[in-house]
Amino acid sequence: MANFNKVILMGNLTRDIELRQTQGGLAIAKFGMAINRKTSSQSGEKRETTCFVDMTAFGKSAELLSQYVKKGSPLFVDGRLEFSTWESKDGGGKRSKLEVIVENFQFMGSGSREGGAGGGGGGERRGGGRDQAQEGAAGAGGGEVDYGDIPF
């Protein structure tokens, strides 16, 4: 039987992006997103729940995200789930984490273009190192952007 691992999310960043570089020069961006869901109970009472998700982007995607989005910015992401386990340094036993590895993204929110939404965004896949950049302009959530400065 074939396997399929795909995640599509739209939400807001919960913190500014942490950008680091590997010794080999690969950019790694770590950030969190909050995804809200509105529901109604049978009695008509409205409720909102929030799911907090840790995200990681690599390569060109990491660099672009750290340059154009910040805490509170809306973002559309598609990627895959990755589960990691490790031993705690303080002797606390085995730890684990489920996160989304960003494969493609799209800036959301208001920009200086008509319609307010950004165009295509993309980046590199982890491990493959192949550029998945898509042509298009990117709008930024949360600020003015000079579209001539965007490298895709």
Protein backbone atom coordinates (compact mmCIF):
# COMPACT_ATOMS: atom_id res chain seq x y z
CA MET A 1 0.00 0.00 0.00
CA ALA A 2 1.29 3.48 -0.88
CA ASN A 3 1.97 6.10 1.78
CA PHE A 4 1.04 9.77 1.69
CA ASN A 5 2.29 12.54 4.01
CA LYS A 6 0.92 16.00 3.15
CA VAL A 7 -0.11 18.89 5.40
CA ILE A 8 -1.83 22.09 4.27
CA LEU A 9 -2.22 24.86 6.84
CA MET A 10 -3.13 28.53 6.94
CA GLY A 11 -2.59 30.51 10.11
CA ASN A 12 -0.54 33.20 11.82
CA LEU A 13 3.04 33.07 13.08
CA THR A 14 3.23 32.83 16.86
CA ARG A 15 6.79 34.12 17.07
CA ASP A 16 9.46 35.71 14.91
CA ILE A 17 11.44 33.28 12.78
CA GLU A 18 14.67 31.86 14.19
CA LEU A 19 17.12 31.64 11.28
CA ARG A 20 20.30 29.56 11.57
CA GLN A 21 22.87 28.18 9.16
CA THR A 22 24.37 24.70 9.12
CA GLN A 23 28.15 24.35 8.86
CA GLY A 24 27.56 23.57 5.19
CA GLY A 25 25.72 26.89 4.70
CA LEU A 26 22.13 25.58 4.52
CA ALA A 27 19.63 28.02 6.06
CA ILE A 28 17.18 26.61 8.63
CA ALA A 29 14.16 28.60 9.82
CA LYS A 30 12.18 27.53 12.88
CA PHE A 31 8.86 29.14 13.77
CA GLY A 32 5.43 28.41 15.13
CA MET A 33 1.98 28.88 13.66
CA ALA A 34 -1.44 29.16 15.26
CA ILE A 35 -4.36 27.76 13.30
CA ASN A 36 -7.80 28.81 14.55
CA ARG A 37 -10.99 26.81 14.13
CA LYS A 38 -14.47 28.19 14.77
CA THR A 39 -17.27 25.81 15.66
CA SER A 40 -20.79 25.96 17.07
CA SER A 41 -22.30 23.64 19.63
CA GLN A 42 -25.74 22.10 19.17
CA SER A 43 -27.16 24.90 21.34
CA GLY A 44 -25.68 27.51 18.96
CA GLU A 45 -22.86 28.58 21.28
CA LYS A 46 -19.87 29.70 19.20
CA ARG A 47 -16.42 28.42 20.16
CA GLU A 48 -12.93 28.96 18.84
CA THR A 49 -10.08 26.52 19.33
CA THR A 50 -6.46 27.06 18.40
CA CYS A 51 -3.91 24.48 17.27
CA PHE A 52 -0.25 25.44 17.71
CA VAL A 53 2.17 23.85 15.26
CA ASP A 54 5.98 23.94 15.11
CA MET A 55 7.36 24.51 11.60
CA THR A 56 10.79 24.15 9.96
CA ALA A 57 11.86 25.46 6.55
CA PHE A 58 15.15 24.89 4.76
CA GLY A 59 17.24 26.65 2.12
CA LYS A 60 15.78 29.48 0.07
CA SER A 61 12.38 29.06 1.77
CA ALA A 62 13.98 29.66 5.16
CA GLU A 63 15.74 32.80 3.93
CA LEU A 64 12.62 34.26 2.28
CA LEU A 65 10.39 33.55 5.26
CA SER A 66 12.81 35.15 7.72
CA GLN A 67 13.03 38.21 5.47
CA TYR A 68 9.33 38.82 4.79
CA VAL A 69 7.25 37.51 7.72
CA LYS A 70 7.22 38.11 11.46
CA LYS A 71 5.13 37.30 14.51
CA GLY A 72 1.44 37.72 13.67
CA SER A 73 1.91 37.46 9.89
CA PRO A 74 -0.58 35.23 8.06
CA LEU A 75 0.96 32.40 6.03
CA PHE A 76 -0.26 29.51 3.87
CA VAL A 77 2.00 26.45 4.08
CA ASP A 78 2.08 23.02 2.55
CA GLY A 79 4.53 20.45 3.75
CA ARG A 80 4.89 17.12 5.48
CA LEU A 81 4.84 15.82 9.02
CA GLU A 82 8.07 14.66 10.62
CA PHE A 83 8.39 12.90 13.96
CA SER A 84 11.67 13.19 15.90
CA THR A 85 12.83 11.45 19.09
CA TRP A 86 15.90 12.11 21.23
CA GLU A 87 17.31 11.60 24.72
CA SER A 88 16.95 14.59 27.04
CA LYS A 89 20.29 16.20 27.98
CA ASP A 90 19.20 16.64 31.60
CA GLY A 91 18.53 12.93 32.04
CA GLY A 92 14.77 13.41 31.75
CA GLY A 93 14.40 10.42 29.43
CA LYS A 94 13.21 10.13 25.89
CA ARG A 95 11.62 13.19 24.24
CA SER A 96 9.66 13.50 21.01
CA LYS A 97 8.23 16.14 18.72
CA LEU A 98 5.91 16.26 15.72
CA GLU A 99 6.52 19.19 13.36
CA VAL A 100 5.73 20.32 9.83
CA ILE A 101 8.56 20.53 7.31
CA VAL A 102 7.70 23.37 4.93
CA GLU A 103 7.89 22.36 1.27
CA ASN A 104 6.00 25.31 -0.28
CA PHE A 105 4.36 28.44 1.08
CA GLN A 106 2.42 31.49 0.05
CA PHE A 107 2.45 34.89 1.72
CA MET A 108 -1.02 36.07 2.74
CA GLY A 109 -2.34 39.38 3.96
CA SER A 110 -2.25 42.85 2.49
CA GLY A 111 0.45 43.98 0.14
CA SER A 112 0.59 46.80 -2.33
CA ARG A 113 -0.94 44.70 -5.13
CA GLU A 114 -4.59 44.45 -6.02
CA GLY A 115 -6.42 41.67 -4.20
CA GLY A 116 -4.10 41.74 -1.20
CA ALA A 117 -2.80 38.18 -1.43
CA GLY A 118 0.70 37.21 -2.40
CA GLY A 119 1.72 35.02 -5.27
CA GLY A 120 3.70 31.82 -5.30
CA GLY A 121 6.39 31.03 -2.84
CA GLY A 122 8.54 28.00 -2.54
CA GLY A 123 11.78 26.63 -1.43
CA GLU A 124 14.00 23.65 -1.12
CA ARG A 125 13.04 20.25 0.13
CA ARG A 126 15.01 18.84 3.00
CA GLY A 127 17.50 16.26 1.89
CA GLY A 128 16.79 16.66 -1.83
CA GLY A 129 18.24 20.14 -2.07
CA ARG A 130 16.27 20.79 -5.26
CA ASP A 131 14.91 24.27 -5.74
CA GLN A 132 11.11 24.20 -5.82
CA ALA A 133 10.76 27.97 -6.34
CA GLN A 134 7.68 29.03 -8.25
CA GLU A 135 7.46 32.16 -10.32
CA GLY A 136 5.27 34.93 -8.96
CA ALA A 137 5.29 37.90 -6.70
CA ALA A 138 5.01 37.67 -2.96
CA GLY A 139 2.91 39.87 -0.72
CA ALA A 140 4.03 40.16 2.85
CA GLY A 141 1.86 39.92 5.87
CA GLY A 142 2.34 42.85 8.15
CA GLY A 143 4.21 45.48 6.20
CA GLU A 144 5.13 47.29 3.01
CA VAL A 145 7.18 45.32 0.50
CA ASP A 146 9.10 46.56 -2.50
CA TYR A 147 8.16 43.84 -4.99
CA GLY A 148 11.28 44.57 -7.04
CA ASP A 149 13.42 43.26 -4.14
CA ILE A 150 11.83 39.82 -4.05
CA PRO A 151 14.11 37.29 -5.80
CA PHE A 152 11.41 35.22 -7.55
